[in-house]
Protein backbone atom coordinates (compact mmCIF):
# COMPACT_ATOMS: atom_id res chain seq x y z
CA UNK A 1 1.09 72.06 -46.86
CA UNK A 2 2.91 70.44 -49.81
CA UNK A 3 1.38 67.54 -51.69
CA UNK A 4 2.77 64.19 -50.62
CA UNK A 5 3.30 62.21 -53.81
CA UNK A 6 3.22 58.42 -53.77
CA UNK A 7 4.41 55.95 -56.38
CA UNK A 8 1.46 54.21 -58.01
CA UNK A 9 3.62 51.16 -58.61
CA UNK A 10 4.10 50.40 -54.93
CA UNK A 11 0.96 51.75 -53.28
CA UNK A 12 -2.58 50.50 -52.95
CA UNK A 13 -5.76 51.99 -54.43
CA UNK A 14 -6.41 54.05 -51.29
CA UNK A 15 -3.07 55.83 -51.53
CA UNK A 16 -3.58 56.56 -55.22
CA UNK A 17 -6.96 58.16 -54.56
CA UNK A 18 -5.50 60.08 -51.64
CA UNK A 19 -2.88 61.55 -53.98
CA UNK A 20 -5.58 62.69 -56.40
CA UNK A 21 -7.86 64.08 -53.70
CA UNK A 22 -5.11 66.08 -52.01
CA UNK A 23 -4.02 67.54 -55.35
CA UNK A 24 -7.61 68.38 -56.34
CA UNK A 25 -8.39 69.91 -52.96
CA UNK A 26 -5.31 72.12 -53.14
CA UNK A 27 -6.41 73.24 -56.59
CA UNK A 28 -10.01 74.01 -55.56
CA UNK A 29 -9.62 75.28 -52.01
CA UNK A 30 -5.96 75.72 -51.04
CA UNK A 31 -5.29 75.65 -47.35
CA UNK A 32 -8.78 74.46 -46.42
CA UNK A 33 -9.79 71.06 -45.01
CA UNK A 34 -10.19 68.28 -47.55
CA UNK A 35 -13.88 67.36 -47.86
CA UNK A 36 -15.09 63.87 -48.77
CA UNK A 37 -18.69 62.73 -48.60
CA UNK A 38 -21.10 59.81 -48.30
CA UNK A 39 -24.87 59.63 -48.30
CA UNK A 40 -27.21 57.08 -46.72
CA UNK A 41 -30.99 56.90 -46.67
CA UNK A 42 -32.37 55.34 -43.45
CA UNK A 43 -35.40 54.08 -45.35
CA UNK A 44 -34.94 50.57 -43.99
CA UNK A 45 -32.09 48.31 -42.86
CA UNK A 46 -28.84 49.86 -44.11
CA UNK A 47 -27.11 46.88 -45.68
CA UNK A 48 -23.53 45.84 -46.35
CA UNK A 49 -23.70 47.17 -49.91
CA UNK A 50 -24.47 50.63 -48.52
CA UNK A 51 -21.42 50.30 -46.26
CA UNK A 52 -19.19 50.61 -49.33
CA UNK A 53 -20.64 54.10 -49.80
CA UNK A 54 -19.09 54.98 -46.43
CA UNK A 55 -15.97 52.81 -46.30
CA UNK A 56 -14.57 54.01 -49.63
CA UNK A 57 -14.31 57.71 -48.64
CA UNK A 58 -13.47 56.73 -45.06
CA UNK A 59 -10.38 54.82 -46.14
CA UNK A 60 -9.27 57.66 -48.41
CA UNK A 61 -9.95 60.29 -45.73
CA UNK A 62 -8.03 58.26 -43.16
CA UNK A 63 -5.02 57.98 -45.44
CA UNK A 64 -5.07 61.75 -45.92
CA UNK A 65 -5.24 62.23 -42.13
CA UNK A 66 -2.25 59.93 -41.71
CA UNK A 67 -0.33 62.36 -43.92
CA UNK A 68 -1.12 65.23 -41.59
CA UNK A 69 -3.97 66.95 -43.41
CA UNK A 70 -7.26 68.08 -41.90
CA UNK A 71 -10.15 66.14 -43.42
CA UNK A 72 -13.93 66.29 -43.08
CA UNK A 73 -15.83 63.14 -43.98
CA UNK A 74 -19.43 64.27 -44.35
CA UNK A 75 -22.11 61.62 -43.94
CA UNK A 76 -25.45 62.96 -45.10
CA UNK A 77 -28.37 61.12 -43.58
CA UNK A 78 -31.06 61.48 -46.25
CA UNK A 79 -33.78 61.35 -43.61
CA UNK A 80 -35.86 63.99 -45.38
CA UNK A 81 -36.45 61.59 -48.29
CA UNK A 82 -40.00 60.43 -48.85
CA UNK A 83 -41.24 57.14 -47.42
CA UNK A 84 -41.87 55.20 -50.62
CA UNK A 85 -43.46 51.91 -49.60
CA UNK A 86 -43.87 49.50 -46.72
CA UNK A 87 -40.84 47.17 -46.72
CA UNK A 88 -41.49 43.47 -46.34
CA UNK A 89 -40.13 41.37 -43.51
CA UNK A 90 -39.52 44.23 -41.07
CA UNK A 91 -40.58 43.23 -37.54
CA UNK A 92 -43.01 45.59 -35.81
CA UNK A 93 -44.79 46.99 -38.87
CA UNK A 94 -47.94 46.05 -40.75
CA UNK A 95 -50.05 47.28 -43.63
CA UNK A 96 -51.16 50.33 -41.67
CA UNK A 97 -47.77 51.94 -42.40
CA UNK A 98 -48.98 52.43 -45.99
CA UNK A 99 -50.86 55.53 -44.82
CA UNK A 100 -47.49 57.22 -44.29
CA UNK A 101 -46.24 56.77 -47.87
CA UNK A 102 -45.13 60.16 -49.18
CA UNK A 103 -44.14 61.62 -45.81
CA UNK A 104 -40.54 62.43 -44.82
CA UNK A 105 -38.82 59.48 -43.18
CA UNK A 106 -38.53 61.50 -39.97
CA UNK A 107 -42.34 61.90 -39.91
CA UNK A 108 -43.04 58.17 -40.17
CA UNK A 109 -43.50 56.23 -36.90
CA UNK A 110 -40.78 53.79 -35.98
CA UNK A 111 -41.66 50.07 -35.97
CA UNK A 112 -43.65 48.95 -32.94
CA UNK A 113 -41.51 48.40 -29.88
CA UNK A 114 -38.72 50.69 -31.07
CA UNK A 115 -37.09 53.05 -28.60
CA UNK A 116 -36.54 55.65 -31.33
CA UNK A 117 -38.84 58.57 -32.17
CA UNK A 118 -39.29 57.88 -35.89
CA UNK A 119 -38.55 55.57 -38.79
CA UNK A 120 -35.32 57.29 -39.82
CA UNK A 121 -33.80 57.33 -36.35
CA UNK A 122 -34.72 53.68 -35.83
CA UNK A 123 -32.79 52.49 -38.89
CA UNK A 124 -29.98 55.00 -38.50
CA UNK A 125 -29.15 53.82 -34.97
CA UNK A 126 -27.74 50.41 -35.92
CA UNK A 127 -25.52 51.96 -38.57
CA UNK A 128 -24.23 54.62 -36.17
CA UNK A 129 -23.24 51.90 -33.70
CA UNK A 130 -21.61 49.78 -36.41
CA UNK A 131 -19.58 52.70 -37.76
CA UNK A 132 -18.32 53.43 -34.25
CA UNK A 133 -17.16 49.82 -33.86
CA UNK A 134 -15.48 50.02 -37.26
CA UNK A 135 -13.58 53.15 -36.25
CA UNK A 136 -15.18 55.34 -38.93
CA UNK A 137 -14.85 59.04 -38.12
CA UNK A 138 -17.41 61.31 -39.80
CA UNK A 139 -19.51 64.46 -39.47
CA UNK A 140 -23.16 63.40 -39.59
CA UNK A 141 -25.61 65.75 -41.28
CA UNK A 142 -29.38 65.29 -40.99
CA UNK A 143 -31.04 66.56 -44.16
CA UNK A 144 -34.28 67.00 -42.18
CA UNK A 145 -32.48 69.46 -39.90
CA UNK A 146 -30.77 71.19 -42.81
CA UNK A 147 -34.00 71.83 -44.69
CA UNK A 148 -36.40 72.48 -41.81
CA UNK A 149 -34.04 74.91 -40.07
CA UNK A 150 -33.59 76.94 -43.24
CA UNK A 151 -29.89 76.17 -43.72
CA UNK A 152 -30.49 75.60 -47.45
CA UNK A 153 -32.97 78.46 -47.91
CA UNK A 154 -30.66 80.56 -50.10
CA UNK A 155 -29.80 77.51 -52.19
CA UNK A 156 -33.49 76.69 -52.64
CA UNK A 157 -34.31 80.25 -53.74
CA UNK A 158 -31.31 80.22 -56.08
CA UNK A 159 -32.44 76.93 -57.66
CA UNK A 160 -35.95 78.27 -58.18
CA UNK A 161 -34.60 81.46 -59.74
CA UNK A 162 -32.42 79.43 -62.13
CA UNK A 163 -35.01 76.72 -62.78
CA UNK A 164 -34.88 77.44 -66.51
CA UNK A 165 -31.16 76.66 -66.64
CA UNK A 166 -31.66 73.47 -64.62
CA UNK A 167 -34.60 72.43 -66.79
CA UNK A 168 -32.51 72.88 -69.93
CA UNK A 169 -29.91 70.44 -68.60
CA UNK A 170 -32.49 67.88 -67.57
CA UNK A 171 -34.26 68.19 -70.93
CA UNK A 172 -31.17 66.74 -72.62
CA UNK A 173 -31.85 63.45 -70.88
CA UNK A 174 -35.64 63.21 -70.64
CA UNK A 175 -36.04 61.56 -74.04
CA UNK A 176 -33.18 59.13 -73.51
CA UNK A 177 -34.11 55.57 -72.75
CA UNK A 178 -32.70 54.26 -69.50
CA UNK A 179 -33.18 54.05 -65.76
CA UNK A 180 -32.26 57.66 -65.06
CA UNK A 181 -35.62 58.66 -63.61
CA UNK A 182 -35.59 55.73 -61.23
CA UNK A 183 -32.30 56.37 -59.51
CA UNK A 184 -32.74 59.40 -57.39
CA UNK A 185 -32.04 59.56 -53.68
CA UNK A 186 -29.77 57.02 -52.08
CA UNK A 187 -27.42 55.58 -54.67
CA UNK A 188 -28.11 51.87 -55.30
CA UNK A 189 -25.31 49.39 -55.65
CA UNK A 190 -25.70 48.45 -59.33
CA UNK A 191 -28.12 48.61 -62.24
CA UNK A 192 -29.73 45.31 -61.29
CA UNK A 193 -30.79 46.88 -58.01
CA UNK A 194 -32.31 50.08 -59.35
CA UNK A 195 -35.86 48.87 -58.97
CA UNK A 196 -35.18 47.58 -55.46
CA UNK A 197 -33.48 50.81 -54.48
CA UNK A 198 -36.41 52.82 -55.75
CA UNK A 199 -38.59 50.97 -53.28
CA UNK A 200 -36.20 51.24 -50.37
CA UNK A 201 -37.18 54.71 -49.26
CA UNK A 202 -34.72 56.31 -51.65
CA UNK A 203 -36.61 59.51 -52.47
CA UNK A 204 -37.23 58.83 -56.14
CA UNK A 205 -39.13 62.05 -56.81
CA UNK A 206 -40.15 63.31 -60.21
CA UNK A 207 -37.55 65.67 -61.63
CA UNK A 208 -39.83 68.66 -61.00
CA UNK A 209 -41.73 68.83 -64.30
CA UNK A 210 -45.48 69.44 -64.34
CA UNK A 211 -48.16 70.97 -66.52
CA UNK A 212 -47.56 74.27 -64.69
CA UNK A 213 -43.89 74.29 -65.69
CA UNK A 214 -40.62 73.13 -64.21
CA UNK A 215 -39.97 73.67 -60.50
CA UNK A 216 -37.02 71.93 -58.79
CA UNK A 217 -38.65 72.20 -55.35
CA UNK A 218 -41.14 69.77 -53.81
CA UNK A 219 -43.22 70.97 -50.82
CA UNK A 220 -44.47 68.54 -48.19
CA UNK A 221 -48.21 69.14 -47.74
CA UNK A 222 -49.19 71.40 -44.85
CA UNK A 223 -52.13 69.15 -44.02
CA UNK A 224 -51.19 65.51 -44.67
CA UNK A 225 -47.37 65.96 -44.69
CA UNK A 226 -47.04 64.03 -47.95
CA UNK A 227 -45.07 65.08 -51.00
CA UNK A 228 -47.87 64.28 -53.45
CA UNK A 229 -47.90 67.96 -54.27
CA UNK A 230 -47.65 70.00 -57.44
CA UNK A 231 -46.30 73.53 -57.57
CA UNK A 232 -48.81 75.58 -59.58
CA UNK A 233 -47.06 78.95 -59.56
CA UNK A 234 -44.05 80.80 -58.23
CA UNK A 235 -43.08 84.46 -58.18
CA UNK A 236 -39.36 85.18 -58.15
CA UNK A 237 -39.78 88.66 -56.69
CA UNK A 238 -42.08 87.88 -53.76
CA UNK A 239 -41.04 84.18 -53.51
CA UNK A 240 -44.76 83.33 -53.27
CA UNK A 241 -45.26 79.67 -54.12
CA UNK A 242 -48.64 78.01 -54.62
CA UNK A 243 -49.14 74.26 -54.55
CA UNK A 244 -51.90 71.67 -54.38
CA UNK A 245 -51.86 68.19 -52.83
CA UNK A 246 -53.37 65.30 -54.77
CA UNK A 247 -53.50 63.14 -51.63
CA UNK A 248 -55.81 65.26 -49.49
CA UNK A 249 -56.86 68.12 -51.77
CA UNK A 250 -55.18 70.75 -49.64
CA UNK A 251 -53.73 73.85 -51.32
CA UNK A 252 -51.99 76.95 -50.05
CA UNK A 253 -49.73 79.83 -51.02
CA UNK A 254 -46.56 80.39 -49.00
CA UNK A 255 -43.48 82.58 -49.12
CA UNK A 256 -40.58 80.32 -49.97
CA UNK A 257 -38.24 82.78 -48.26
CA UNK A 258 -39.96 81.80 -44.99
CA UNK A 259 -41.08 78.24 -45.80
CA UNK A 260 -39.03 75.24 -44.62
CA UNK A 261 -41.33 72.28 -45.29
CA UNK A 262 -39.99 70.82 -48.51
CA UNK A 263 -36.82 70.00 -50.40
CA UNK A 264 -35.13 70.21 -53.76
CA UNK A 265 -35.72 67.23 -56.03
CA UNK A 266 -32.88 64.75 -55.86
CA UNK A 267 -31.09 65.56 -59.11
CA UNK A 268 -30.81 69.15 -57.96
CA UNK A 269 -30.39 68.49 -54.25
CA UNK A 270 -27.25 66.37 -54.68
CA UNK A 271 -25.20 68.83 -56.78
CA UNK A 272 -26.44 71.69 -54.57
CA UNK A 273 -24.83 69.94 -51.62
CA UNK A 274 -21.59 69.36 -53.52
CA UNK A 275 -21.30 73.11 -54.06
CA UNK A 276 -22.53 74.09 -50.59
CA UNK A 277 -20.12 71.75 -48.76
CA UNK A 278 -17.21 71.97 -51.21
CA UNK A 279 -17.08 68.19 -51.67
CA UNK A 280 -13.93 67.01 -53.45
CA UNK A 281 -14.41 63.23 -53.29
CA UNK A 282 -17.55 61.10 -53.25
CA UNK A 283 -18.06 57.59 -54.70
CA UNK A 284 -21.18 56.42 -56.48
CA UNK A 285 -22.78 53.15 -57.55
CA UNK A 286 -22.09 51.75 -61.01
CA UNK A 287 -25.58 52.75 -62.13
CA UNK A 288 -24.32 56.33 -62.34
CA UNK A 289 -22.38 55.52 -65.49
CA UNK A 290 -25.65 55.47 -67.44
CA UNK A 291 -26.87 58.49 -69.45
CA UNK A 292 -29.09 60.74 -67.37
CA UNK A 293 -27.92 59.33 -64.07
CA UNK A 294 -27.91 61.49 -60.96
CA UNK A 295 -24.11 61.73 -60.90
CA UNK A 296 -23.74 62.62 -64.58
CA UNK A 297 -26.56 65.15 -64.61
CA UNK A 298 -25.38 66.54 -61.29
CA UNK A 299 -21.97 67.15 -62.85
CA UNK A 300 -23.62 69.74 -65.10
CA UNK A 301 -26.09 71.17 -62.60
CA UNK A 302 -23.42 71.75 -59.95
CA UNK A 303 -21.93 74.47 -62.15
CA UNK A 304 -25.13 76.49 -61.82
CA UNK A 305 -24.48 76.61 -58.08
CA UNK A 306 -20.88 77.70 -58.67
CA UNK A 307 -19.37 74.36 -57.68
CA UNK A 308 -17.56 71.43 -59.25
CA UNK A 309 -18.42 67.76 -59.42
CA UNK A 310 -16.47 65.62 -56.94
CA UNK A 311 -13.97 63.09 -58.16
CA UNK A 312 -14.53 59.55 -57.05
CA UNK A 313 -14.89 55.96 -58.25
CA UNK A 314 -17.97 54.02 -59.12
CA UNK A 315 -18.22 51.09 -56.77
CA UNK A 316 -19.37 47.56 -57.54
CA UNK A 317 -21.86 45.50 -55.59
CA UNK A 318 -21.21 43.59 -52.39
CA UNK A 319 -22.73 40.14 -52.11
CA UNK A 320 -23.21 37.54 -49.40
CA UNK A 321 -21.92 33.97 -49.67
CA UNK A 322 -24.79 31.75 -50.70
CA UNK A 323 -27.24 34.64 -51.06
CA UNK A 324 -28.38 36.93 -53.87
CA UNK A 325 -27.39 40.58 -54.18
CA UNK A 326 -28.77 42.71 -51.43
CA UNK A 327 -31.65 45.12 -51.43
CA UNK A 328 -32.35 47.16 -48.34
CA UNK A 329 -36.04 47.35 -49.20
CA UNK A 330 -36.49 43.86 -47.76
CA UNK A 331 -36.20 42.67 -44.21
CA UNK A 332 -33.61 40.10 -43.24
CA UNK A 333 -30.93 41.63 -45.45
CA UNK A 334 -27.51 41.43 -43.76
CA UNK A 335 -26.37 44.73 -42.30
CA UNK A 336 -23.01 45.86 -40.91
CA UNK A 337 -24.40 45.21 -37.44
CA UNK A 338 -25.19 41.61 -38.47
CA UNK A 339 -21.67 41.14 -39.84
CA UNK A 340 -20.08 42.53 -36.69
CA UNK A 341 -21.90 39.96 -34.61
CA UNK A 342 -19.90 37.20 -36.28
CA UNK A 343 -16.63 38.90 -37.27
CA UNK A 344 -14.23 41.35 -35.73
CA UNK A 345 -14.22 44.88 -37.17
CA UNK A 346 -10.67 44.38 -38.44
CA UNK A 347 -11.80 41.58 -40.76
CA UNK A 348 -14.77 43.54 -42.07
CA UNK A 349 -12.58 46.61 -42.71
CA UNK A 350 -10.07 44.41 -44.52
CA UNK A 351 -12.71 43.04 -46.90
CA UNK A 352 -13.46 46.60 -48.08
CA UNK A 353 -9.84 47.80 -48.03
CA UNK A 354 -8.25 45.00 -50.03
CA UNK A 355 -10.53 45.29 -53.08
CA UNK A 356 -10.59 48.26 -55.43
CA UNK A 357 -14.00 49.97 -55.40
CA UNK A 358 -14.83 48.71 -58.89
CA UNK A 359 -14.25 45.11 -57.81
CA UNK A 360 -17.23 43.21 -56.44
CA UNK A 361 -16.73 40.84 -53.53
CA UNK A 362 -18.71 38.70 -51.10
CA UNK A 363 -19.01 38.78 -47.35
CA UNK A 364 -19.26 35.33 -45.84
CA UNK A 365 -22.02 34.35 -43.47
CA UNK A 366 -21.61 30.65 -44.26
CA UNK A 367 -18.68 28.24 -43.82
CA UNK A 368 -16.58 30.50 -46.05
CA UNK A 369 -16.02 32.79 -43.05
CA UNK A 370 -13.61 30.21 -41.65
CA UNK A 371 -11.48 30.34 -44.81
CA UNK A 372 -11.54 34.15 -44.75
CA UNK A 373 -10.31 34.15 -41.17
CA UNK A 374 -7.55 31.67 -42.07
CA UNK A 375 -6.49 34.03 -44.87
CA UNK A 376 -6.60 37.02 -42.51
CA UNK A 377 -4.53 35.27 -39.84
CA UNK A 378 -2.02 34.15 -42.47
CA UNK A 379 -1.66 37.75 -43.63
CA UNK A 380 -1.18 38.90 -40.03
CA UNK A 381 1.64 36.38 -39.69
CA UNK A 382 3.30 37.58 -42.88
CA UNK A 383 3.09 41.20 -41.76
CA UNK A 384 4.66 40.29 -38.42
CA UNK A 385 7.45 38.20 -39.91
CA UNK A 386 7.81 39.64 -43.43
CA UNK A 387 8.13 39.87 -46.31
CA UNK A 388 4.72 40.94 -47.58
CA UNK A 389 3.56 42.72 -50.72
CA UNK A 390 3.20 46.49 -50.18
CA UNK A 391 -0.50 46.53 -51.17
CA UNK A 392 -1.23 43.66 -48.77
CA UNK A 393 0.64 45.40 -45.97
CA UNK A 394 -1.28 48.62 -46.65
CA UNK A 395 -4.67 46.83 -46.61
CA UNK A 396 -3.72 45.15 -43.34
CA UNK A 397 -2.67 48.44 -41.74
CA UNK A 398 -5.94 50.08 -42.82
CA UNK A 399 -7.88 47.16 -41.35
CA UNK A 400 -6.33 47.07 -37.90
CA UNK A 401 -6.51 50.78 -37.20
CA UNK A 402 -6.98 54.35 -38.31
CA UNK A 403 -5.04 57.59 -38.04
CA UNK A 404 -6.44 57.81 -34.50
CA UNK A 405 -4.87 54.51 -33.45
CA UNK A 406 -5.41 50.76 -33.48
CA UNK A 407 -8.87 49.26 -33.03
CA UNK A 408 -9.44 47.05 -29.96
CA UNK A 409 -8.34 43.52 -30.76
CA UNK A 410 -8.38 39.97 -29.43
CA UNK A 411 -5.23 39.55 -27.26
CA UNK A 412 -4.68 35.96 -28.33
CA UNK A 413 -6.34 35.36 -31.71
CA UNK A 414 -6.75 31.60 -31.92
CA UNK A 415 -8.01 30.23 -35.26
CA UNK A 416 -11.65 31.17 -35.83
CA UNK A 417 -12.54 27.67 -37.06
CA UNK A 418 -11.11 26.20 -33.85
CA UNK A 419 -13.09 28.58 -31.65
CA UNK A 420 -16.24 27.90 -33.66
CA UNK A 421 -15.78 24.15 -33.36
CA UNK A 422 -15.25 24.37 -29.62
CA UNK A 423 -18.28 26.65 -29.20
CA UNK A 424 -20.29 24.17 -31.24
CA UNK A 425 -19.27 21.12 -29.27
CA UNK A 426 -19.53 22.70 -25.81
CA UNK A 427 -22.76 24.59 -26.56
CA UNK A 428 -21.10 27.64 -24.99
CA UNK A 429 -20.24 26.06 -21.62
CA UNK A 430 -17.41 28.30 -20.45
CA UNK A 431 -15.70 25.79 -18.15
CA UNK A 432 -15.51 23.19 -20.92
CA UNK A 433 -14.47 25.83 -23.46
CA UNK A 434 -11.61 26.98 -21.25
CA UNK A 435 -10.52 23.38 -20.63
CA UNK A 436 -10.37 22.58 -24.32
CA UNK A 437 -8.70 25.79 -25.40
CA UNK A 438 -6.09 25.56 -22.65
CA UNK A 439 -5.16 22.08 -23.92
CA UNK A 440 -4.51 23.31 -27.46
CA UNK A 441 -1.02 24.47 -26.48
CA UNK A 442 0.07 22.76 -23.24
CA UNK A 443 3.31 24.75 -23.13
CA UNK A 444 1.41 28.05 -23.14
CA UNK A 445 -2.03 27.23 -21.77
CA UNK A 446 -4.87 29.72 -21.94
CA UNK A 447 -5.49 31.27 -18.53
CA UNK A 448 -8.79 33.01 -19.22
CA UNK A 449 -11.38 33.19 -21.98
CA UNK A 450 -10.88 36.95 -21.98
CA UNK A 451 -7.63 36.29 -23.85
CA UNK A 452 -9.59 35.02 -26.87
CA UNK A 453 -12.40 37.55 -26.76
CA UNK A 454 -14.07 39.11 -28.68
CA UNK A 455 -13.15 36.57 -31.40
CA UNK A 456 -14.56 33.71 -29.32
CA UNK A 457 -17.86 35.54 -28.87
CA UNK A 458 -18.08 36.23 -32.63
CA UNK A 459 -17.42 32.58 -33.44
CA UNK A 460 -20.00 31.42 -30.93
CA UNK A 461 -22.59 33.80 -32.38
CA UNK A 462 -21.82 32.48 -35.86
CA UNK A 463 -22.41 28.92 -34.71
CA UNK A 464 -25.66 29.81 -32.97
CA UNK A 465 -27.14 32.03 -35.69
CA UNK A 466 -25.70 30.94 -39.04
CA UNK A 467 -25.09 27.19 -38.86
CA UNK A 468 -28.22 25.08 -39.52
CA UNK A 469 -29.28 22.76 -36.73
CA UNK A 470 -28.63 19.69 -38.87
CA UNK A 471 -25.00 20.79 -39.29
CA UNK A 472 -24.35 21.32 -35.60
CA UNK A 473 -22.06 18.84 -33.84
CA UNK A 474 -23.60 16.45 -31.31
CA UNK A 475 -21.17 14.00 -29.72
CA UNK A 476 -22.49 10.49 -29.17
CA UNK A 477 -23.46 9.49 -25.65
CA UNK A 478 -22.77 5.80 -26.23
CA UNK A 479 -20.48 3.85 -28.58
CA UNK A 480 -21.81 2.70 -31.94
CA UNK A 481 -21.53 -0.98 -31.02
CA UNK A 482 -22.75 -2.27 -34.38
CA UNK A 483 -20.20 -0.23 -36.32
CA UNK A 484 -17.39 -1.28 -34.00
CA UNK A 485 -18.33 -4.96 -34.40
CA UNK A 486 -18.36 -4.65 -38.18
CA UNK A 487 -14.79 -3.35 -38.43
CA UNK A 488 -12.15 -5.49 -40.13
CA UNK A 489 -8.67 -6.00 -38.71
CA UNK A 490 -7.32 -2.89 -40.44
CA UNK A 491 -10.10 -0.73 -39.01
CA UNK A 492 -9.55 -2.04 -35.47
CA UNK A 493 -5.81 -1.57 -35.80
CA UNK A 494 -6.24 2.07 -36.88
CA UNK A 495 -8.30 2.81 -33.77
CA UNK A 496 -5.74 1.05 -31.52
CA UNK A 497 -2.90 3.11 -33.01
CA UNK A 498 -4.87 6.27 -32.38
CA UNK A 499 -5.76 5.40 -28.79
CA UNK A 500 -2.20 4.30 -28.00
CA UNK A 501 -0.90 7.73 -29.07
CA UNK A 502 -3.56 9.88 -27.44
CA UNK A 503 -1.88 10.69 -24.15
CA UNK A 504 1.56 11.61 -25.48
CA UNK A 505 0.06 13.63 -28.36
CA UNK A 506 -2.65 15.46 -26.40
CA UNK A 507 -2.32 18.91 -27.98
CA UNK A 508 -3.58 20.47 -31.18
CA UNK A 509 -0.31 19.94 -33.03
CA UNK A 510 0.23 16.49 -31.53
CA UNK A 511 -3.23 15.21 -32.42
CA UNK A 512 -2.91 16.65 -35.93
CA UNK A 513 0.29 14.67 -36.39
CA UNK A 514 -1.35 11.57 -34.90
CA UNK A 515 -4.58 11.43 -36.94
CA UNK A 516 -2.74 12.06 -40.20
CA UNK A 517 0.01 9.65 -39.25
CA UNK A 518 -2.04 6.53 -38.41
CA UNK A 519 -2.83 5.62 -42.07
CA UNK A 520 0.81 6.26 -43.00
CA UNK A 521 2.08 3.89 -40.32
CA UNK A 522 -0.44 1.24 -41.31
CA UNK A 523 0.85 1.44 -44.88
CA UNK A 524 4.45 1.01 -43.73
CA UNK A 525 5.58 4.65 -43.90
CA UNK A 526 6.93 6.89 -41.14
CA UNK A 527 4.27 9.01 -39.43
CA UNK A 528 6.12 12.17 -40.43
CA UNK A 529 6.48 11.24 -44.11
CA UNK A 530 5.58 14.16 -46.40
CA UNK A 531 2.99 14.07 -49.18
CA UNK A 532 5.76 13.93 -51.81
CA UNK A 533 7.07 10.73 -50.22
CA UNK A 534 3.69 8.98 -50.22
CA UNK A 535 1.64 7.23 -52.91
CA UNK A 536 -1.77 8.73 -53.80
CA UNK A 537 -3.66 5.91 -52.07
CA UNK A 538 -2.52 7.19 -48.68
CA UNK A 539 -4.86 10.19 -49.07
CA UNK A 540 -7.71 7.78 -49.76
CA UNK A 541 -6.82 5.81 -46.63
CA UNK A 542 -6.72 9.01 -44.57
CA UNK A 543 -10.19 10.06 -45.77
CA UNK A 544 -11.54 6.60 -44.94
CA UNK A 545 -10.01 6.76 -41.46
CA UNK A 546 -11.35 10.26 -40.83
CA UNK A 547 -14.87 9.22 -41.91
CA UNK A 548 -14.72 6.28 -39.49
CA UNK A 549 -13.74 8.56 -36.60
CA UNK A 550 -16.52 11.04 -37.41
CA UNK A 551 -19.12 8.26 -37.49
CA UNK A 552 -17.95 6.86 -34.16
CA UNK A 553 -17.75 10.27 -32.47
CA UNK A 554 -20.62 12.32 -33.95
CA UNK A 555 -22.57 9.92 -36.19
CA UNK A 556 -21.78 11.78 -39.43
CA UNK A 557 -19.33 11.64 -42.34
CA UNK A 558 -17.83 15.01 -41.47
CA UNK A 559 -17.53 17.48 -38.63
CA UNK A 560 -15.11 19.90 -36.99
CA UNK A 561 -11.40 19.33 -37.56
CA UNK A 562 -10.59 16.05 -35.90
CA UNK A 563 -7.79 17.31 -33.61
CA UNK A 564 -10.14 19.98 -32.25
CA UNK A 565 -12.98 17.50 -31.95
CA UNK A 566 -10.83 15.01 -30.03
CA UNK A 567 -9.69 17.71 -27.61
CA UNK A 568 -13.28 18.80 -27.11
CA UNK A 569 -14.56 15.32 -26.46
CA UNK A 570 -11.78 14.59 -23.95
CA UNK A 571 -9.53 11.55 -23.59
CA UNK A 572 -11.82 9.48 -21.40
CA UNK A 573 -14.84 9.91 -23.64
CA UNK A 574 -12.80 9.31 -26.79
CA UNK A 575 -11.58 6.00 -25.36
CA UNK A 576 -15.14 5.06 -24.46
CA UNK A 577 -16.50 5.81 -27.95
CA UNK A 578 -13.58 4.31 -29.88
CA UNK A 579 -12.83 1.36 -27.59
CA UNK A 580 -12.27 -1.91 -29.45
């Protein structure tokens, strides 16, 4: 199949990488499927920073599929990594899990109450479900299955036979100062997270050196299952390997040609897989730009296995609005599953698609999510009506669907902030929610809440889980008599103008026009006068009027957008609370 060239001046970052990957794949393995890869360690909650490890190759692979090529997106579950330490804040575990440190993740019990057979499967499950909702197509590979079934046996024997060559490469970096020896296993998001990643179950083994020599293979103990073992001898001809365990004192001699209870150390394991799978594209965290990093060293070691280093960008960290950078070694860290509870998959895909991999960005769990949704809806409108910048159009197309088709969507996507406000005020009462939402556009009233789902459900979950109790909206039961009595003539007149216009303006657009128009009319200007036609003091008068309404309706200076709030409260109750 011929290479499909794209102009870098008019395409987005995904298309540019797709061009490079197709060209490189044709050069390395003409006529074969294009292979891209990701790797995740289910050592704890798999957070939104880890999702970039999957979304970057997914977006590139999907673009290549759209062009008619066959693509394999390999997702290696590094579930044969060692269990490094007991994470904090994880429900269902206690200090007794420390006895499992050093075992493979698939040999560690799942947290109490889990329906899954082991630690790895427990933490993998949420990510599998999230990736399905996000429309990510991949071939999952369990490293436990690969190693224990003997799939990598020839590669292991080859690495042991060429251990001197591997050792010579590693020796170039052993004396260099830097974090290289702390960044094996799952690739952390940036250098600031190296220490956290090391403690997240990320298989940070030694590089294989010991007093007995260099051996790139680490057995799991035949008695205690831990990897606190040292290879004491190995015979290339017979493949007899002897090891001792410092944890339990056990020692044995096995034939590596028949032994499947161990794995290559990370800096050898990763490039071995590149060669074995023929990986052309795989991203890595920015920490891999440092001397001695897994990616740089792997680029040399992969040649021993007869392969080539993948091309791929280094990706920057992903943050959370109002929170520090994420580390999956701690409980309570936002995961893709958490994000998908409060936002539609299209929005989450868009956040990863619109930024180049080397650009950091934040995912909003606070009030910023409302602004993000406004921006997303504005983009959707531009795409529908045109014109729109090519890169923006491409990011939108990648967000709403894949080569397989469009993702399920909300039939009638009302503004997220409006849905959140209504869910807040009604406390989820469906009859009241339907009443309010159907009044937003009297000419095209909402017939069923199903029309605004799942966005409504996401907004309601956001209100219930992310908005502090003190910021929730509670409408007054009775008028604030003292405040009403204290109003001057101008204050009373502003309320009368509002109440007089309620009935004929009872819609979202009508009430918006009304609440902004009252201060204009009081100042002698038409209600529809534009900002350019008004003096600056009108904005001050509007803010004063809005604050008065909020105090009379909800007892606070601020709250949901006033038009939405008025609709939610209802005409009769508004008249009761604002009556003068």
